[in-house]
Structures are given as C-alpha cells and as structure tokens.
C-alpha cells in the first residue's frame, strides 16, 4: 500500500509531508520515496508530521535509516510539527536523541539549512 507524501522545496531543503498513517502497511513505500531522493542527491530533508495521525515502529525505523543515510553524506534530517502523542513515542523510545525534532517547520528549516 502506498502512502500519500506531498513534496515541497525551500531552497536546498526537501520537505516531505506524509498524510494519514505511517505503519507496516506503507513503511516500505515511504522508505522507497525518501531513499530515492537521497539517491538523487538530496542532503537536507524535513519530514513535516502535521498531516500524520500515527507512526508505528516500522515507520520510525524508516526515519532512522534515512537519518543515518543523510548523516553519512554530511546531510541532515529534521522532523517537525508532531502531534503530542507521536512526539512522546519518539522521546520515550530515544529516537529524539538521534533525530532532530522541532515544533514548527520554521524551526526545522533553520536547523536544516
């Protein structure tokens, strides 16, 4: 199952806005979309969570893979606009110590630029 991912650009930064749920049913599709961009040379990326209602461990794993791939290329991944219940999962799991999380897209752009 595919996931609807809206794409925007702000200078050199690619902003991805996944819609709905990021879970086991579509994590592979999301990984394919994101890693395709990394393969094409994108080094600065924001994932805007404002349209996501749920992220499973499969979705979190994809974000970790992307963060590691971008870090290896001297790039950056920043997550932003998370709903409180999703942000809490990232904090409890320790992912927030590995992947930068900002409250707003503006803050994320400052960090990613």
Foldseek 3Di string as FASTA:
>chain_A
DAWDWDWDDDVLEIEIETAEECEPVHLVNVLVVLVVVVVVPRQFYEYEDQRYDYYDVSNVVSVLVSQVSSVVVVGAYEYECHDPVVVVVCVVVVVCVRHPYDHDPVVSVVVRD
